[in-house]
Amino acid sequence: MIETSRLLLLPYTYELVEATLKGKRDLENVLNYKVSNEWPSPQYLKLIKMKKDKLHQTPEQSIWSRIAIHKESGTLIGEIGCKGGPNEQGTVEIGYGMVSEARNKGFATEMVIGLTDWLAAHPKVKRVTAECLVTNTPSAKVLEKSGFKLMNKTDEMLNWEKI
């Protein structure tokens, strides 16, 4: 578990993935926390379905994916993780999402800093990257506030690296 001032970032295990796919009530029972009505987003739900088989084969991979629990309310409000573990060069790319009711309150920045601090201490991780759409100004601001530097810009994407 990674703990920040307002959040718990819990490993998103196979058991939690299975419960998510069964429904909110099942997830709340297994997790012992409330789950926002907005979670998971339709985009993340597609990833969860793919994640299930991967985690079943290699459960230790759950350390690279986290769900975010708001400590004060005891509610699941987002997710963050690496798109797989580190590659041969020790690079991981992070991605994250937050329910709308928790946006613009600093939670995403806190989540990114919490995970990237943990990654910096991990012996297999040498470099942390992220990308976001050019049109996703809120995400770009989160990455800037979290110590990422813009490394490359295309017509559609911004590519970042934690410095």
N, C-alpha and C. Protein backbone atom coordinates (compact mmCIF):
# COMPACT_ATOMS: atom_id res chain seq x y z
N MET A 1 0.84 -1.18 0.00
CA MET A 1 0.00 0.00 0.00
C MET A 1 0.88 1.24 0.00
N ILE A 2 0.45 2.24 -0.75
CA ILE A 2 1.10 3.55 -0.74
C ILE A 2 0.12 4.51 -0.05
N GLU A 3 0.61 5.24 0.93
CA GLU A 3 -0.26 6.18 1.64
C GLU A 3 0.24 7.60 1.45
N THR A 4 -0.69 8.50 1.08
CA THR A 4 -0.40 9.92 1.00
C THR A 4 -1.21 10.61 2.08
N SER A 5 -1.19 11.92 2.11
CA SER A 5 -1.91 12.60 3.20
C SER A 5 -3.42 12.34 3.16
N ARG A 6 -3.99 12.21 1.96
CA ARG A 6 -5.44 12.02 1.88
C ARG A 6 -5.88 10.74 1.20
N LEU A 7 -4.92 9.97 0.68
CA LEU A 7 -5.27 8.80 -0.13
C LEU A 7 -4.53 7.54 0.30
N LEU A 8 -5.17 6.41 0.04
CA LEU A 8 -4.53 5.10 0.10
C LEU A 8 -4.50 4.58 -1.33
N LEU A 9 -3.33 4.18 -1.80
CA LEU A 9 -3.21 3.60 -3.13
C LEU A 9 -2.97 2.11 -2.94
N LEU A 10 -4.04 1.34 -3.15
CA LEU A 10 -4.01 -0.09 -2.88
C LEU A 10 -3.72 -0.87 -4.16
N PRO A 11 -2.93 -1.95 -4.08
CA PRO A 11 -2.72 -2.78 -5.27
C PRO A 11 -4.06 -3.30 -5.80
N TYR A 12 -4.22 -3.22 -7.10
CA TYR A 12 -5.45 -3.68 -7.75
C TYR A 12 -5.26 -5.15 -8.13
N THR A 13 -5.60 -6.02 -7.20
CA THR A 13 -5.34 -7.45 -7.31
C THR A 13 -6.38 -8.16 -8.18
N TYR A 14 -6.06 -9.40 -8.51
CA TYR A 14 -6.98 -10.23 -9.29
C TYR A 14 -8.34 -10.33 -8.59
N GLU A 15 -8.32 -10.53 -7.28
CA GLU A 15 -9.56 -10.63 -6.51
C GLU A 15 -10.41 -9.36 -6.65
N LEU A 16 -9.76 -8.20 -6.62
CA LEU A 16 -10.50 -6.94 -6.76
C LEU A 16 -11.00 -6.75 -8.19
N VAL A 17 -10.22 -7.18 -9.16
CA VAL A 17 -10.65 -7.10 -10.57
C VAL A 17 -11.89 -7.96 -10.77
N GLU A 18 -11.86 -9.18 -10.26
CA GLU A 18 -13.03 -10.07 -10.37
C GLU A 18 -14.26 -9.43 -9.73
N ALA A 19 -14.08 -8.88 -8.55
CA ALA A 19 -15.21 -8.25 -7.85
C ALA A 19 -15.74 -7.05 -8.63
N THR A 20 -14.84 -6.27 -9.23
CA THR A 20 -15.25 -5.11 -10.03
C THR A 20 -16.14 -5.56 -11.18
N LEU A 21 -15.74 -6.63 -11.85
CA LEU A 21 -16.50 -7.11 -13.01
C LEU A 21 -17.85 -7.69 -12.61
N LYS A 22 -17.99 -8.13 -11.36
CA LYS A 22 -19.28 -8.64 -10.89
C LYS A 22 -20.23 -7.49 -10.54
N GLY A 23 -19.69 -6.35 -10.08
CA GLY A 23 -20.54 -5.22 -9.76
C GLY A 23 -20.07 -4.46 -8.53
N LYS A 24 -20.62 -3.28 -8.38
CA LYS A 24 -20.21 -2.37 -7.30
C LYS A 24 -20.34 -3.00 -5.91
N ARG A 25 -21.46 -3.64 -5.65
CA ARG A 25 -21.70 -4.24 -4.33
C ARG A 25 -20.64 -5.31 -4.01
N ASP A 26 -20.32 -6.13 -4.99
CA ASP A 26 -19.29 -7.17 -4.79
C ASP A 26 -17.94 -6.54 -4.48
N LEU A 27 -17.60 -5.49 -5.23
CA LEU A 27 -16.32 -4.81 -5.00
C LEU A 27 -16.29 -4.18 -3.60
N GLU A 28 -17.37 -3.52 -3.21
CA GLU A 28 -17.40 -2.91 -1.88
C GLU A 28 -17.25 -3.97 -0.78
N ASN A 29 -17.85 -5.13 -0.96
CA ASN A 29 -17.74 -6.20 0.04
C ASN A 29 -16.32 -6.73 0.16
N VAL A 30 -15.65 -6.90 -0.97
CA VAL A 30 -14.28 -7.42 -0.95
C VAL A 30 -13.30 -6.35 -0.48
N LEU A 31 -13.53 -5.13 -0.91
CA LEU A 31 -12.62 -4.01 -0.64
C LEU A 31 -12.77 -3.45 0.78
N ASN A 32 -13.99 -3.53 1.33
CA ASN A 32 -14.32 -2.92 2.61
C ASN A 32 -14.25 -1.40 2.58
N TYR A 33 -14.47 -0.82 1.41
CA TYR A 33 -14.60 0.63 1.22
C TYR A 33 -15.78 0.85 0.27
N LYS A 34 -16.33 2.08 0.31
CA LYS A 34 -17.37 2.45 -0.65
C LYS A 34 -16.71 2.65 -2.01
N VAL A 35 -17.52 2.56 -3.06
CA VAL A 35 -17.05 2.79 -4.42
C VAL A 35 -17.91 3.88 -5.03
N SER A 36 -17.28 4.92 -5.57
CA SER A 36 -18.02 6.00 -6.22
C SER A 36 -18.90 5.42 -7.33
N ASN A 37 -20.08 6.01 -7.49
CA ASN A 37 -20.98 5.58 -8.56
C ASN A 37 -20.39 5.81 -9.94
N GLU A 38 -19.38 6.67 -10.04
CA GLU A 38 -18.74 6.98 -11.32
C GLU A 38 -17.58 6.05 -11.65
N TRP A 39 -17.24 5.14 -10.73
CA TRP A 39 -16.07 4.29 -10.95
C TRP A 39 -16.51 2.87 -11.21
N PRO A 40 -15.93 2.16 -12.16
CA PRO A 40 -14.89 2.62 -13.08
C PRO A 40 -15.49 3.34 -14.29
N SER A 41 -14.69 4.17 -14.92
CA SER A 41 -15.12 4.82 -16.15
C SER A 41 -15.26 3.77 -17.25
N PRO A 42 -16.04 4.03 -18.29
CA PRO A 42 -16.16 3.06 -19.39
C PRO A 42 -14.80 2.70 -20.01
N GLN A 43 -13.91 3.68 -20.13
CA GLN A 43 -12.58 3.42 -20.70
C GLN A 43 -11.78 2.48 -19.80
N TYR A 44 -11.82 2.74 -18.49
CA TYR A 44 -11.05 1.90 -17.58
C TYR A 44 -11.66 0.50 -17.48
N LEU A 45 -12.98 0.40 -17.59
CA LEU A 45 -13.64 -0.90 -17.53
C LEU A 45 -13.11 -1.81 -18.65
N LYS A 46 -12.88 -1.25 -19.84
CA LYS A 46 -12.31 -2.04 -20.94
C LYS A 46 -10.93 -2.57 -20.56
N LEU A 47 -10.11 -1.75 -19.90
CA LEU A 47 -8.78 -2.18 -19.48
C LEU A 47 -8.86 -3.25 -18.40
N ILE A 48 -9.85 -3.11 -17.50
CA ILE A 48 -10.01 -4.09 -16.42
C ILE A 48 -10.27 -5.48 -16.99
N LYS A 49 -11.09 -5.54 -18.01
CA LYS A 49 -11.41 -6.84 -18.61
C LYS A 49 -10.14 -7.49 -19.18
N MET A 50 -9.27 -6.70 -19.78
CA MET A 50 -8.01 -7.23 -20.31
C MET A 50 -7.05 -7.59 -19.18
N LYS A 51 -7.09 -6.80 -18.12
CA LYS A 51 -6.19 -6.99 -16.98
C LYS A 51 -6.47 -8.30 -16.24
N LYS A 52 -7.71 -8.75 -16.25
CA LYS A 52 -8.09 -9.93 -15.48
C LYS A 52 -7.25 -11.15 -15.84
N ASP A 53 -7.15 -11.48 -17.12
CA ASP A 53 -6.39 -12.66 -17.53
C ASP A 53 -4.91 -12.52 -17.21
N LYS A 54 -4.39 -11.32 -17.42
CA LYS A 54 -2.97 -11.08 -17.15
C LYS A 54 -2.66 -11.28 -15.66
N LEU A 55 -3.53 -10.75 -14.80
CA LEU A 55 -3.31 -10.90 -13.35
C LEU A 55 -3.52 -12.33 -12.88
N HIS A 56 -4.40 -13.05 -13.55
CA HIS A 56 -4.61 -14.45 -13.17
C HIS A 56 -3.34 -15.27 -13.43
N GLN A 57 -2.66 -14.96 -14.53
CA GLN A 57 -1.42 -15.67 -14.88
C GLN A 57 -0.23 -15.21 -14.04
N THR A 58 -0.17 -13.91 -13.75
CA THR A 58 0.96 -13.34 -13.01
C THR A 58 0.44 -12.38 -11.94
N PRO A 59 -0.05 -12.91 -10.81
CA PRO A 59 -0.65 -12.07 -9.77
C PRO A 59 0.31 -11.03 -9.19
N GLU A 60 1.61 -11.28 -9.25
CA GLU A 60 2.59 -10.32 -8.71
C GLU A 60 2.59 -9.01 -9.49
N GLN A 61 2.00 -9.00 -10.68
CA GLN A 61 1.93 -7.77 -11.48
C GLN A 61 0.97 -6.74 -10.88
N SER A 62 0.18 -7.13 -9.88
CA SER A 62 -0.78 -6.19 -9.28
C SER A 62 -0.09 -5.00 -8.62
N ILE A 63 1.21 -5.11 -8.31
CA ILE A 63 1.90 -3.96 -7.69
C ILE A 63 1.98 -2.77 -8.62
N TRP A 64 1.82 -2.99 -9.93
CA TRP A 64 1.96 -1.89 -10.90
C TRP A 64 0.64 -1.15 -11.14
N SER A 65 -0.47 -1.65 -10.61
CA SER A 65 -1.78 -0.99 -10.75
C SER A 65 -2.36 -0.73 -9.36
N ARG A 66 -2.91 0.45 -9.17
CA ARG A 66 -3.45 0.84 -7.86
C ARG A 66 -4.84 1.45 -8.01
N ILE A 67 -5.62 1.30 -6.98
CA ILE A 67 -6.87 2.04 -6.87
C ILE A 67 -6.71 3.04 -5.74
N ALA A 68 -7.36 4.19 -5.89
CA ALA A 68 -7.20 5.29 -4.93
C ALA A 68 -8.43 5.39 -4.02
N ILE A 69 -8.17 5.28 -2.73
CA ILE A 69 -9.22 5.40 -1.72
C ILE A 69 -9.04 6.74 -1.01
N HIS A 70 -10.10 7.56 -1.00
CA HIS A 70 -10.09 8.80 -0.23
C HIS A 70 -10.26 8.41 1.24
N LYS A 71 -9.25 8.69 2.04
CA LYS A 71 -9.24 8.22 3.43
C LYS A 71 -10.40 8.78 4.25
N GLU A 72 -10.68 10.06 4.11
CA GLU A 72 -11.71 10.70 4.95
C GLU A 72 -13.10 10.11 4.70
N SER A 73 -13.45 9.90 3.43
CA SER A 73 -14.79 9.38 3.11
C SER A 73 -14.82 7.86 2.99
N GLY A 74 -13.62 7.23 2.89
CA GLY A 74 -13.56 5.79 2.70
C GLY A 74 -14.13 5.33 1.37
N THR A 75 -13.88 6.14 0.32
CA THR A 75 -14.47 5.87 -0.99
C THR A 75 -13.40 5.73 -2.06
N LEU A 76 -13.58 4.74 -2.94
CA LEU A 76 -12.72 4.58 -4.11
C LEU A 76 -13.06 5.69 -5.09
N ILE A 77 -12.05 6.52 -5.45
CA ILE A 77 -12.30 7.68 -6.31
C ILE A 77 -11.46 7.70 -7.59
N GLY A 78 -10.55 6.72 -7.76
CA GLY A 78 -9.74 6.75 -8.97
C GLY A 78 -8.80 5.57 -9.05
N GLU A 79 -7.99 5.61 -10.11
CA GLU A 79 -7.01 4.56 -10.33
C GLU A 79 -5.74 5.17 -10.91
N ILE A 80 -4.65 4.50 -10.67
CA ILE A 80 -3.35 4.92 -11.19
C ILE A 80 -2.48 3.68 -11.32
N GLY A 81 -1.60 3.72 -12.27
CA GLY A 81 -0.70 2.59 -12.39
C GLY A 81 0.22 2.72 -13.58
N CYS A 82 0.99 1.69 -13.77
CA CYS A 82 1.93 1.61 -14.88
C CYS A 82 1.32 0.74 -15.96
N LYS A 83 1.63 1.07 -17.17
CA LYS A 83 1.15 0.26 -18.30
C LYS A 83 2.09 -0.93 -18.43
N GLY A 84 1.97 -1.85 -17.48
CA GLY A 84 2.89 -2.98 -17.36
C GLY A 84 4.02 -2.60 -16.43
N GLY A 85 4.85 -3.56 -16.10
CA GLY A 85 6.02 -3.28 -15.26
C GLY A 85 7.11 -2.62 -16.09
N PRO A 86 8.28 -2.42 -15.49
CA PRO A 86 9.38 -1.78 -16.22
C PRO A 86 9.85 -2.63 -17.41
N ASN A 87 10.21 -1.94 -18.50
CA ASN A 87 10.77 -2.65 -19.65
C ASN A 87 12.25 -2.95 -19.38
N GLU A 88 12.97 -3.44 -20.38
CA GLU A 88 14.37 -3.82 -20.22
C GLU A 88 15.26 -2.65 -19.79
N GLN A 89 14.88 -1.43 -20.18
CA GLN A 89 15.66 -0.25 -19.80
C GLN A 89 15.23 0.33 -18.45
N GLY A 90 14.21 -0.27 -17.83
CA GLY A 90 13.75 0.22 -16.54
C GLY A 90 12.74 1.35 -16.65
N THR A 91 12.11 1.49 -17.82
CA THR A 91 11.13 2.56 -18.04
C THR A 91 9.72 2.05 -17.79
N VAL A 92 8.93 2.85 -17.08
CA VAL A 92 7.50 2.59 -16.92
C VAL A 92 6.74 3.82 -17.40
N GLU A 93 5.58 3.58 -17.95
CA GLU A 93 4.69 4.68 -18.33
C GLU A 93 3.48 4.62 -17.41
N ILE A 94 3.13 5.75 -16.81
CA ILE A 94 1.99 5.77 -15.90
C ILE A 94 0.75 6.29 -16.61
N GLY A 95 -0.38 5.90 -16.07
CA GLY A 95 -1.68 6.42 -16.49
C GLY A 95 -2.56 6.51 -15.26
N TYR A 96 -3.57 7.36 -15.30
CA TYR A 96 -4.42 7.54 -14.13
C TYR A 96 -5.78 8.07 -14.55
N GLY A 97 -6.74 7.93 -13.64
CA GLY A 97 -8.08 8.45 -13.85
C GLY A 97 -8.71 8.78 -12.51
N MET A 98 -9.63 9.72 -12.55
CA MET A 98 -10.26 10.21 -11.33
C MET A 98 -11.75 10.45 -11.63
N VAL A 99 -12.62 10.07 -10.70
CA VAL A 99 -14.04 10.35 -10.89
C VAL A 99 -14.26 11.86 -10.88
N SER A 100 -15.27 12.32 -11.59
CA SER A 100 -15.46 13.77 -11.76
C SER A 100 -15.68 14.50 -10.43
N GLU A 101 -16.35 13.86 -9.49
CA GLU A 101 -16.63 14.51 -8.20
C GLU A 101 -15.35 14.77 -7.39
N ALA A 102 -14.24 14.10 -7.75
CA ALA A 102 -12.98 14.28 -7.02
C ALA A 102 -11.98 15.15 -7.78
N ARG A 103 -12.37 15.63 -8.95
CA ARG A 103 -11.44 16.44 -9.76
C ARG A 103 -11.33 17.87 -9.22
N ASN A 104 -10.23 18.50 -9.58
CA ASN A 104 -9.94 19.90 -9.20
C ASN A 104 -9.82 20.08 -7.69
N LYS A 105 -9.36 19.04 -7.01
CA LYS A 105 -9.16 19.10 -5.56
C LYS A 105 -7.75 18.66 -5.18
N GLY A 106 -6.90 18.45 -6.19
CA GLY A 106 -5.52 18.05 -5.93
C GLY A 106 -5.29 16.57 -5.75
N PHE A 107 -6.35 15.77 -5.85
CA PHE A 107 -6.20 14.32 -5.63
C PHE A 107 -5.35 13.67 -6.72
N ALA A 108 -5.55 14.06 -7.98
CA ALA A 108 -4.77 13.44 -9.06
C ALA A 108 -3.28 13.73 -8.89
N THR A 109 -2.95 14.97 -8.55
CA THR A 109 -1.54 15.31 -8.32
C THR A 109 -0.98 14.51 -7.15
N GLU A 110 -1.74 14.41 -6.08
CA GLU A 110 -1.31 13.65 -4.91
C GLU A 110 -1.10 12.18 -5.26
N MET A 111 -1.99 11.65 -6.09
CA MET A 111 -1.90 10.26 -6.53
C MET A 111 -0.64 10.04 -7.37
N VAL A 112 -0.39 10.95 -8.32
CA VAL A 112 0.78 10.82 -9.20
C VAL A 112 2.07 10.94 -8.39
N ILE A 113 2.14 11.89 -7.49
CA ILE A 113 3.34 12.04 -6.66
C ILE A 113 3.55 10.81 -5.79
N GLY A 114 2.47 10.29 -5.20
CA GLY A 114 2.58 9.10 -4.36
C GLY A 114 3.13 7.91 -5.14
N LEU A 115 2.58 7.67 -6.33
CA LEU A 115 3.06 6.53 -7.12
C LEU A 115 4.48 6.76 -7.62
N THR A 116 4.77 7.95 -8.12
CA THR A 116 6.11 8.18 -8.68
C THR A 116 7.19 8.18 -7.59
N ASP A 117 6.87 8.60 -6.38
CA ASP A 117 7.83 8.48 -5.28
C ASP A 117 8.11 7.00 -4.99
N TRP A 118 7.05 6.18 -4.99
CA TRP A 118 7.21 4.75 -4.77
C TRP A 118 8.04 4.13 -5.90
N LEU A 119 7.75 4.53 -7.14
CA LEU A 119 8.50 4.02 -8.29
C LEU A 119 9.98 4.40 -8.22
N ALA A 120 10.27 5.61 -7.77
CA ALA A 120 11.66 6.08 -7.68
C ALA A 120 12.47 5.22 -6.72
N ALA A 121 11.80 4.63 -5.74
CA ALA A 121 12.49 3.79 -4.76
C ALA A 121 12.56 2.33 -5.21
N HIS A 122 11.89 1.98 -6.30
CA HIS A 122 11.87 0.60 -6.77
C HIS A 122 13.14 0.31 -7.57
N PRO A 123 13.87 -0.74 -7.23
CA PRO A 123 15.16 -1.00 -7.88
C PRO A 123 15.09 -1.27 -9.39
N LYS A 124 13.96 -1.74 -9.89
CA LYS A 124 13.86 -2.05 -11.33
C LYS A 124 13.44 -0.85 -12.17
N VAL A 125 13.04 0.25 -11.52
CA VAL A 125 12.56 1.42 -12.26
C VAL A 125 13.66 2.46 -12.35
N LYS A 126 13.98 2.86 -13.57
CA LYS A 126 15.01 3.88 -13.82
C LYS A 126 14.42 5.16 -14.39
N ARG A 127 13.24 5.06 -15.01
CA ARG A 127 12.66 6.21 -15.71
C ARG A 127 11.15 6.09 -15.69
N VAL A 128 10.44 7.21 -15.45
CA VAL A 128 8.98 7.23 -15.42
C VAL A 128 8.49 8.22 -16.46
N THR A 129 7.60 7.75 -17.35
CA THR A 129 7.05 8.60 -18.40
C THR A 129 5.54 8.63 -18.30
N ALA A 130 4.94 9.55 -19.04
CA ALA A 130 3.49 9.66 -19.14
C ALA A 130 3.17 10.35 -20.46
N GLU A 131 1.95 10.19 -20.90
CA GLU A 131 1.50 10.92 -22.07
C GLU A 131 0.06 11.35 -21.85
N CYS A 132 -0.31 12.42 -22.52
CA CYS A 132 -1.70 12.86 -22.48
C CYS A 132 -2.02 13.57 -23.79
N LEU A 133 -3.28 13.66 -24.09
CA LEU A 133 -3.70 14.36 -25.28
C LEU A 133 -3.36 15.84 -25.15
N VAL A 134 -3.03 16.47 -26.26
CA VAL A 134 -2.74 17.92 -26.28
C VAL A 134 -3.93 18.69 -25.72
N THR A 135 -5.13 18.18 -25.94
CA THR A 135 -6.35 18.86 -25.48
C THR A 135 -6.67 18.61 -24.01
N ASN A 136 -5.92 17.74 -23.34
CA ASN A 136 -6.20 17.41 -21.94
C ASN A 136 -5.38 18.30 -21.01
N THR A 137 -5.76 19.56 -20.94
CA THR A 137 -5.06 20.55 -20.12
C THR A 137 -5.02 20.16 -18.64
N PRO A 138 -6.11 19.66 -18.05
CA PRO A 138 -6.03 19.27 -16.63
C PRO A 138 -4.95 18.22 -16.36
N SER A 139 -4.84 17.21 -17.23
CA SER A 139 -3.83 16.17 -17.04
C SER A 139 -2.42 16.75 -17.20
N ALA A 140 -2.23 17.64 -18.16
CA ALA A 140 -0.93 18.28 -18.34
C ALA A 140 -0.54 19.05 -17.09
N LYS A 141 -1.49 19.73 -16.48
CA LYS A 141 -1.21 20.48 -15.25
C LYS A 141 -0.84 19.54 -14.10
N VAL A 142 -1.52 18.41 -14.00
CA VAL A 142 -1.20 17.42 -12.97
C VAL A 142 0.23 16.95 -13.14
N LEU A 143 0.61 16.63 -14.36
CA LEU A 143 1.97 16.13 -14.61
C LEU A 143 3.01 17.20 -14.31
N GLU A 144 2.75 18.44 -14.69
CA GLU A 144 3.68 19.54 -14.38
C GLU A 144 3.85 19.70 -12.87
N LYS A 145 2.73 19.72 -12.15
CA LYS A 145 2.78 19.88 -10.69
C LYS A 145 3.46 18.70 -10.01
N SER A 146 3.47 17.56 -10.68
CA SER A 146 4.05 16.34 -10.11
C SER A 146 5.52 16.15 -10.47
N GLY A 147 6.11 17.15 -11.10
CA GLY A 147 7.54 17.09 -11.40
C GLY A 147 7.90 16.49 -12.75
N PHE A 148 6.93 16.36 -13.64
CA PHE A 148 7.22 15.87 -14.98
C PHE A 148 7.61 17.04 -15.88
N LYS A 149 8.45 16.74 -16.85
CA LYS A 149 8.89 17.73 -17.83
C LYS A 149 8.39 17.29 -19.20
N LEU A 150 7.85 18.24 -19.98
CA LEU A 150 7.40 17.96 -21.33
C LEU A 150 8.61 17.66 -22.20
N MET A 151 8.63 16.47 -22.80
CA MET A 151 9.79 16.04 -23.59
C MET A 151 9.53 16.11 -25.09
N ASN A 152 8.26 15.93 -25.49
CA ASN A 152 7.93 15.90 -26.91
C ASN A 152 6.46 16.23 -27.09
N LYS A 153 6.16 16.89 -28.20
CA LYS A 153 4.78 17.25 -28.51
C LYS A 153 4.52 16.90 -29.97
N THR A 154 3.42 16.17 -30.21
CA THR A 154 2.98 15.91 -31.57
C THR A 154 1.67 16.67 -31.76
N ASP A 155 1.03 16.47 -32.90
CA ASP A 155 -0.25 17.14 -33.14
C ASP A 155 -1.31 16.73 -32.12
N GLU A 156 -1.19 15.48 -31.63
CA GLU A 156 -2.23 14.96 -30.74
C GLU A 156 -1.77 14.69 -29.31
N MET A 157 -0.46 14.38 -29.11
CA MET A 157 -0.01 13.91 -27.81
C MET A 157 1.11 14.77 -27.21
N LEU A 158 1.12 14.81 -25.88
CA LEU A 158 2.22 15.39 -25.12
C LEU A 158 2.92 14.23 -24.40
N ASN A 159 4.23 14.16 -24.54
CA ASN A 159 5.01 13.11 -23.89
C ASN A 159 5.84 13.73 -22.77
N TRP A 160 5.76 13.10 -21.59
CA TRP A 160 6.35 13.65 -20.37
C TRP A 160 7.34 12.66 -19.77
N GLU A 161 8.27 13.20 -18.98
CA GLU A 161 9.19 12.36 -18.21
C GLU A 161 9.38 12.99 -16.84
N LYS A 162 9.39 12.13 -15.83
CA LYS A 162 9.62 12.60 -14.45
C LYS A 162 11.10 12.92 -14.28
N ILE A 163 11.37 14.12 -13.84
CA ILE A 163 12.76 14.58 -13.68
C ILE A 163 13.12 14.58 -12.21
